[in-house]
Amino acid sequence: MTGPPLRRDAARNWDRIVAVARDLVDEHIPLQLNDVARRAGLGVGTVYRHFATPEALLETVALPCLERLAGYGEEAVHDTDAWRALTGFLMHTVEAQVGDPSLATVSAATRDALPRTTELKRSLRSAGSTLLARAHDAGVVRADLTAADLVPLMCGIAYAAEVHRETPAERTATARRYLRTMLEGLRATAPSTPPG
């Protein structure tokens, strides 16, 4: 929530709207502001005063997860072990994608409704690029892996885990296993010597 502090009743309404939206997102129900208003027991005008578009509301729901990820990205950049830093960042990213259904849609959007979303996405891209460059410099990751590859790879793992498992715990465990398998394929290895 940005801007001047809201009156107490307006703040309660904002909290209620975001809580209802969070529940809908977790149930994989697309956000429609009229539906949110009905479920929150508020007038449609009240919802529109706080959130002009469903995208702004969805981004608001995703912001805590994006902020945690951006914070982890900043920490990972300071890790002196290039492989551990990159793989830890990717693990946190895929766990967040599996754990928060709002993240994939917000991450994939080409335009953002909120400036804070743009800022956090930029921070995440920068962290991923920096970590990958350091891993390349350290010779611990395949030379042909690019920063542009990271997002589709993470999304693919999250999607596969989502499709093949029922409970959140199963999805997270599956995503971790898929990522560990993928990382073994991305890790640079010494070229094998042909048999004698």
Protein backbone atom coordinates (compact mmCIF):
# COMPACT_ATOMS: atom_id res chain seq x y z
CA MET A 1 0.00 0.00 0.00
CA THR A 2 1.59 3.30 -1.10
CA GLY A 3 0.62 6.92 -0.69
CA PRO A 4 -0.72 8.69 2.39
CA PRO A 5 -2.05 6.55 5.27
CA LEU A 6 -5.64 5.43 4.85
CA ARG A 7 -8.39 6.21 7.32
CA ARG A 8 -9.07 3.32 9.67
CA ASP A 9 -12.22 2.18 7.82
CA ALA A 10 -10.53 2.53 4.42
CA ALA A 11 -7.53 0.54 5.71
CA ARG A 12 -9.88 -2.21 6.94
CA ASN A 13 -11.56 -2.29 3.54
CA TRP A 14 -8.17 -2.47 1.77
CA ASP A 15 -7.10 -5.36 4.03
CA ARG A 16 -10.41 -7.16 3.43
CA ILE A 17 -10.16 -6.76 -0.35
CA VAL A 18 -6.59 -8.08 -0.42
CA ALA A 19 -7.50 -11.02 1.86
CA VAL A 20 -10.42 -12.02 -0.37
CA ALA A 21 -8.21 -11.66 -3.45
CA ARG A 22 -5.54 -13.82 -1.81
CA ASP A 23 -8.13 -16.55 -1.16
CA LEU A 24 -9.37 -16.42 -4.76
CA VAL A 25 -5.83 -16.59 -6.15
CA ASP A 26 -5.03 -19.54 -3.89
CA GLU A 27 -8.14 -21.28 -5.23
CA HIS A 28 -6.95 -20.53 -8.81
CA ILE A 29 -10.02 -18.36 -9.47
CA PRO A 30 -9.34 -15.40 -11.81
CA LEU A 31 -9.74 -12.04 -10.10
CA GLN A 32 -12.75 -9.99 -11.13
CA LEU A 33 -13.30 -6.83 -9.10
CA ASN A 34 -17.09 -7.29 -8.98
CA ASP A 35 -16.64 -10.80 -7.59
CA VAL A 36 -14.09 -9.55 -5.03
CA ALA A 37 -16.51 -6.82 -3.90
CA ARG A 38 -19.33 -9.32 -3.47
CA ARG A 39 -17.20 -11.78 -1.52
CA ALA A 40 -15.74 -9.00 0.64
CA GLY A 41 -19.22 -7.62 1.39
CA LEU A 42 -18.28 -4.23 -0.04
CA GLY A 43 -19.60 -1.99 -2.76
CA VAL A 44 -17.96 -2.29 -6.16
CA GLY A 45 -17.03 1.39 -5.99
CA THR A 46 -15.07 0.78 -2.81
CA VAL A 47 -13.00 -1.93 -4.50
CA TYR A 48 -12.40 0.25 -7.58
CA ARG A 49 -11.28 3.16 -5.39
CA HIS A 50 -8.51 0.98 -3.98
CA PHE A 51 -7.68 -1.03 -7.11
CA ALA A 52 -8.41 0.38 -10.56
CA THR A 53 -7.81 -2.96 -12.30
CA PRO A 54 -7.68 -6.67 -11.46
CA GLU A 55 -3.99 -6.55 -12.42
CA ALA A 56 -3.27 -3.96 -9.72
CA LEU A 57 -5.01 -6.15 -7.16
CA LEU A 58 -3.20 -9.29 -8.32
CA GLU A 59 0.15 -7.50 -8.11
CA THR A 60 -0.71 -6.32 -4.60
CA VAL A 61 -1.38 -9.93 -3.64
CA ALA A 62 1.98 -10.98 -5.17
CA LEU A 63 4.07 -8.16 -3.67
CA PRO A 64 4.99 -9.88 -0.36
CA CYS A 65 6.32 -12.90 -2.25
CA LEU A 66 8.18 -10.70 -4.75
CA GLU A 67 9.71 -8.70 -1.90
CA ARG A 68 10.91 -11.86 -0.12
CA LEU A 69 12.43 -13.14 -3.36
CA ALA A 70 14.13 -9.83 -4.11
CA GLY A 71 15.55 -9.82 -0.58
CA TYR A 72 16.89 -13.32 -1.08
CA GLY A 73 18.38 -12.27 -4.43
CA GLU A 74 20.26 -9.45 -2.71
CA GLU A 75 21.62 -11.89 -0.11
CA ALA A 76 22.61 -14.43 -2.76
CA VAL A 77 24.63 -11.82 -4.68
CA HIS A 78 26.83 -11.48 -1.58
CA ASP A 79 27.45 -15.24 -1.27
CA THR A 80 31.06 -15.96 -2.23
CA ASP A 81 30.28 -19.45 -3.55
CA ALA A 82 29.02 -18.85 -7.10
CA TRP A 83 27.33 -22.24 -7.54
CA ARG A 84 25.64 -22.19 -4.13
CA ALA A 85 24.47 -18.60 -4.69
CA LEU A 86 22.93 -19.37 -8.09
CA THR A 87 21.33 -22.66 -7.11
CA GLY A 88 20.00 -21.26 -3.83
CA PHE A 89 18.42 -18.34 -5.67
CA LEU A 90 16.85 -20.65 -8.25
CA MET A 91 15.55 -22.97 -5.51
CA HIS A 92 13.90 -20.04 -3.69
CA THR A 93 12.45 -18.86 -7.00
CA VAL A 94 10.87 -22.18 -7.95
CA GLU A 95 9.56 -22.73 -4.41
CA ALA A 96 7.93 -19.30 -4.52
CA GLN A 97 6.37 -20.02 -7.92
CA VAL A 98 4.92 -23.29 -6.67
CA GLY A 99 3.82 -21.80 -3.35
CA ASP A 100 2.17 -18.61 -4.61
CA PRO A 101 -0.18 -18.90 -7.60
CA SER A 102 -0.08 -15.13 -8.16
CA LEU A 103 3.62 -15.12 -8.95
CA ALA A 104 3.63 -16.81 -12.36
CA THR A 105 1.02 -14.46 -13.84
CA VAL A 106 2.63 -11.34 -12.41
CA SER A 107 6.12 -12.45 -13.47
CA ALA A 108 4.99 -13.24 -17.02
CA ALA A 109 3.12 -9.95 -17.53
CA THR A 110 4.77 -7.61 -20.03
CA ARG A 111 3.28 -4.53 -18.33
CA ASP A 112 2.93 -3.85 -14.64
CA ALA A 113 0.11 -1.96 -12.96
CA LEU A 114 2.22 -0.93 -9.96
CA PRO A 115 5.64 0.76 -10.02
CA ARG A 116 6.74 -1.38 -7.06
CA THR A 117 6.12 -4.53 -9.13
CA THR A 118 8.35 -3.19 -11.91
CA GLU A 119 11.06 -2.34 -9.40
CA LEU A 120 11.00 -5.79 -7.78
CA LYS A 121 10.96 -7.63 -11.11
CA ARG A 122 13.94 -5.54 -12.25
CA SER A 123 15.75 -6.42 -9.01
CA LEU A 124 15.07 -10.14 -9.52
CA ARG A 125 16.26 -10.07 -13.14
CA SER A 126 19.39 -8.22 -12.08
CA ALA A 127 20.13 -10.71 -9.31
CA GLY A 128 19.61 -13.68 -11.63
CA SER A 129 21.86 -12.16 -14.31
CA THR A 130 24.57 -11.29 -11.79
CA LEU A 131 24.49 -14.74 -10.21
CA LEU A 132 24.63 -16.46 -13.59
CA ALA A 133 27.51 -14.24 -14.76
CA ARG A 134 29.45 -15.09 -11.59
CA ALA A 135 28.76 -18.79 -12.11
CA HIS A 136 30.03 -18.48 -15.70
CA ASP A 137 33.14 -16.64 -14.50
CA ALA A 138 33.76 -19.37 -11.91
CA GLY A 139 33.35 -22.04 -14.60
CA VAL A 140 30.67 -23.90 -12.63
CA VAL A 141 27.78 -23.62 -15.08
CA ARG A 142 27.42 -24.46 -18.75
CA ALA A 143 28.66 -21.67 -20.99
CA ASP A 144 25.58 -21.87 -23.22
CA LEU A 145 23.11 -21.08 -20.41
CA THR A 146 21.87 -17.49 -20.68
CA ALA A 147 20.01 -15.22 -18.29
CA ALA A 148 17.05 -15.31 -20.71
CA ASP A 149 16.89 -19.09 -20.17
CA LEU A 150 16.35 -18.86 -16.41
CA VAL A 151 12.74 -17.63 -16.30
CA PRO A 152 11.34 -20.18 -18.78
CA LEU A 153 13.22 -22.99 -17.06
CA MET A 154 11.87 -22.01 -13.62
CA CYS A 155 8.35 -21.58 -15.02
CA GLY A 156 8.56 -24.99 -16.70
CA ILE A 157 9.55 -26.69 -13.45
CA ALA A 158 6.81 -24.89 -11.51
CA TYR A 159 4.23 -25.83 -14.13
CA ALA A 160 5.29 -29.48 -14.17
CA ALA A 161 5.16 -29.66 -10.37
CA GLU A 162 1.74 -28.01 -10.36
CA VAL A 163 0.32 -30.43 -12.92
CA HIS A 164 1.66 -33.62 -11.40
CA ARG A 165 1.05 -33.16 -7.67
CA GLU A 166 -2.01 -32.45 -5.54
CA THR A 167 -0.94 -30.93 -2.21
CA PRO A 168 1.30 -27.90 -1.67
CA ALA A 169 3.87 -30.11 0.09
CA GLU A 170 3.92 -32.56 -2.84
CA ARG A 171 4.26 -29.71 -5.35
CA THR A 172 7.15 -28.16 -3.43
CA ALA A 173 8.96 -31.49 -3.04
CA THR A 174 8.47 -32.27 -6.72
CA ALA A 175 9.67 -28.82 -7.81
CA ARG A 176 12.81 -29.20 -5.68
CA ARG A 177 13.51 -32.62 -7.19
CA TYR A 178 12.96 -31.38 -10.74
CA LEU A 179 15.19 -28.37 -10.12
CA ARG A 180 17.99 -30.48 -8.62
CA THR A 181 17.82 -32.75 -11.68
CA MET A 182 17.93 -29.77 -14.04
CA LEU A 183 20.82 -28.18 -12.13
CA GLU A 184 22.90 -31.31 -12.57
CA GLY A 185 22.43 -30.87 -16.32
CA LEU A 186 23.40 -27.20 -16.14
CA ARG A 187 26.51 -27.70 -14.07
CA ALA A 188 29.76 -27.42 -15.99
CA THR A 189 31.77 -30.60 -15.99
CA ALA A 190 35.23 -31.37 -17.20
CA PRO A 191 35.11 -32.83 -20.71
CA SER A 192 35.37 -36.60 -20.62
CA THR A 193 38.40 -38.13 -22.22
CA PRO A 194 37.66 -40.62 -24.97
CA PRO A 195 38.52 -44.22 -24.16
CA GLY A 196 42.17 -45.19 -24.85
